Amino acid sequence: MARFIISLVTAALLATGIALPAAAELRLVMFEEKGCTYCEMWDRQIAPIYPKTPEGRAAPLQRVDVNATVPADLRLESRPRFTPTFVLVRDGVELGRVEGYPGEAFFWGLLGMMLTERAGVSLTPAQEQKIAADG
């Protein structure tokens, strides 16, 4: 019954033109450049599995050339200078960053801390299953 009522309310709001708030978009932006040894290492060790992980589902990857103009939809605290630089953003606003690639184990730990502490994402087993089911 509750689902039916929620569906009716949602339909009524949409019919009147009142928009429901969109879910906040979380992304991990990787600033890279051609010839970057550490970018290539990340590509070999992490890139193939990243989209399949809870972290990758929570914050999909966007790649940006560090020498290109920063996309207009990103509001960064400062322009990345090192490659790779991983910037966690919510709705385009920087929440935190990791400069450099410290290796696979450190990368996952630092990303997990950023997701938890800066974005409020809890990667508990239950949430991991929900993220996997939604993906």
Protein backbone atom coordinates (compact mmCIF):
# COMPACT_ATOMS: atom_id res chain seq x y z
CA MET A 1 0.00 0.00 0.00
CA ALA A 2 2.83 2.40 0.88
CA ARG A 3 4.45 1.86 -2.53
CA PHE A 4 1.13 2.64 -4.21
CA ILE A 5 0.82 5.92 -2.28
CA ILE A 6 4.41 6.89 -3.10
CA SER A 7 3.73 6.13 -6.77
CA LEU A 8 0.61 8.32 -6.72
CA VAL A 9 2.44 11.20 -5.04
CA THR A 10 5.34 10.94 -7.48
CA ALA A 11 2.95 10.87 -10.46
CA ALA A 12 1.09 13.91 -9.09
CA LEU A 13 4.32 15.86 -8.61
CA LEU A 14 5.48 15.03 -12.11
CA ALA A 15 2.10 15.96 -13.58
CA THR A 16 2.21 19.37 -11.89
CA GLY A 17 5.72 20.03 -13.15
CA ILE A 18 7.38 19.88 -9.74
CA ALA A 19 10.66 18.08 -10.15
CA LEU A 20 12.00 15.68 -7.61
CA PRO A 21 15.59 16.32 -6.52
CA ALA A 22 18.09 14.31 -8.52
CA ALA A 23 20.49 12.03 -6.74
CA ALA A 24 23.91 13.60 -6.24
CA GLU A 25 26.35 12.46 -8.88
CA LEU A 26 29.61 11.13 -7.51
CA ARG A 27 32.55 10.68 -9.91
CA LEU A 28 36.23 9.94 -9.70
CA VAL A 29 38.05 12.16 -12.20
CA MET A 30 41.46 10.89 -13.27
CA PHE A 31 43.79 13.56 -14.62
CA GLU A 32 46.40 11.86 -16.79
CA GLU A 33 48.81 12.53 -19.62
CA LYS A 34 50.36 10.54 -22.42
CA GLY A 35 53.64 8.91 -21.41
CA CYS A 36 52.89 8.95 -17.68
CA THR A 37 54.43 5.76 -16.28
CA TYR A 38 52.23 5.77 -13.17
CA CYS A 39 49.09 6.32 -15.28
CA GLU A 40 50.07 3.28 -17.34
CA MET A 41 50.64 1.26 -14.16
CA TRP A 42 47.16 2.27 -12.90
CA ASP A 43 45.73 1.27 -16.28
CA ARG A 44 47.29 -2.20 -15.99
CA GLN A 45 46.52 -2.83 -12.31
CA ILE A 46 43.23 -1.04 -11.62
CA ALA A 47 41.45 0.11 -14.79
CA PRO A 48 40.17 -3.33 -15.89
CA ILE A 49 38.48 -4.02 -12.56
CA TYR A 50 37.57 -0.51 -11.34
CA PRO A 51 34.06 -0.32 -12.88
CA LYS A 52 33.22 -3.75 -11.40
CA THR A 53 34.10 -2.76 -7.82
CA PRO A 54 31.83 -1.13 -5.22
CA GLU A 55 34.07 1.94 -5.38
CA GLY A 56 33.76 2.09 -9.16
CA ARG A 57 30.00 1.76 -9.00
CA ALA A 58 29.74 4.43 -6.32
CA ALA A 59 32.06 6.85 -8.19
CA PRO A 60 32.35 6.07 -11.91
CA LEU A 61 35.60 7.10 -13.58
CA GLN A 62 35.99 10.11 -15.86
CA ARG A 63 39.35 10.61 -17.59
CA VAL A 64 40.72 14.08 -18.36
CA ASP A 65 44.01 15.05 -19.99
CA VAL A 66 45.89 17.15 -17.44
CA ASN A 67 47.07 19.49 -20.21
CA ALA A 68 43.58 20.11 -21.59
CA THR A 69 41.11 22.72 -20.40
CA VAL A 70 39.40 21.55 -17.22
CA PRO A 71 35.79 20.61 -18.10
CA ALA A 72 33.36 23.44 -17.33
CA ASP A 73 31.25 21.23 -15.06
CA LEU A 74 34.16 20.71 -12.61
CA ARG A 75 34.87 23.07 -9.72
CA LEU A 76 38.30 22.16 -8.39
CA GLU A 77 40.21 23.62 -5.45
CA SER A 78 43.26 23.89 -7.72
CA ARG A 79 44.36 22.68 -11.12
CA PRO A 80 46.03 19.25 -10.94
CA ARG A 81 49.79 19.43 -11.57
CA PHE A 82 50.84 15.81 -11.15
CA THR A 83 49.73 12.71 -13.02
CA PRO A 84 47.84 10.78 -12.24
CA THR A 85 45.67 12.87 -9.94
CA PHE A 86 42.38 11.36 -8.81
CA VAL A 87 39.73 13.89 -7.80
CA LEU A 88 36.52 12.78 -6.12
CA VAL A 89 33.66 15.11 -7.06
CA ARG A 90 29.99 15.35 -6.15
CA ASP A 91 27.92 17.22 -8.72
CA GLY A 92 31.20 18.56 -10.14
CA VAL A 93 32.49 19.96 -6.83
CA GLU A 94 35.77 18.60 -5.49
CA LEU A 95 35.52 16.59 -2.28
CA GLY A 96 39.09 15.31 -2.12
CA ARG A 97 42.01 14.10 -4.19
CA VAL A 98 44.88 11.65 -4.37
CA GLU A 99 47.96 12.93 -6.19
CA GLY A 100 50.07 10.24 -7.80
CA TYR A 101 49.59 6.50 -7.85
CA PRO A 102 51.10 4.90 -4.74
CA GLY A 103 50.39 1.33 -5.85
CA GLU A 104 47.34 -0.89 -5.83
CA ALA A 105 46.98 -1.48 -2.06
CA PHE A 106 47.42 2.18 -1.15
CA PHE A 107 45.13 3.35 -3.94
CA TRP A 108 42.18 1.27 -2.70
CA GLY A 109 42.78 2.35 0.89
CA LEU A 110 43.03 6.05 0.04
CA LEU A 111 40.00 5.90 -2.26
CA GLY A 112 37.99 4.06 0.39
CA MET A 113 38.87 6.70 2.99
CA MET A 114 37.89 9.51 0.60
CA LEU A 115 34.58 7.88 -0.23
CA THR A 116 33.79 7.30 3.44
CA GLU A 117 35.10 10.51 5.01
CA ARG A 118 34.44 13.05 2.24
CA ALA A 119 31.43 11.61 0.41
CA GLY A 120 29.71 9.71 3.21
CA VAL A 121 29.70 6.47 1.22
CA SER A 122 29.79 3.42 3.43
CA LEU A 123 31.11 0.41 1.58
CA THR A 124 29.71 -2.15 3.99
CA PRO A 125 28.90 -5.60 2.61
CA ALA A 126 25.18 -4.69 2.43
CA GLN A 127 25.91 -1.51 0.47
CA GLU A 128 28.35 -3.33 -1.77
CA GLN A 129 25.56 -5.77 -2.65
CA LYS A 130 23.12 -2.92 -3.32
CA ILE A 131 25.63 -1.10 -5.55
CA ALA A 132 26.29 -4.38 -7.40
CA ALA A 133 22.55 -4.98 -7.86
CA ASP A 134 21.97 -1.44 -9.15
CA GLY A 135 24.92 -1.69 -11.59
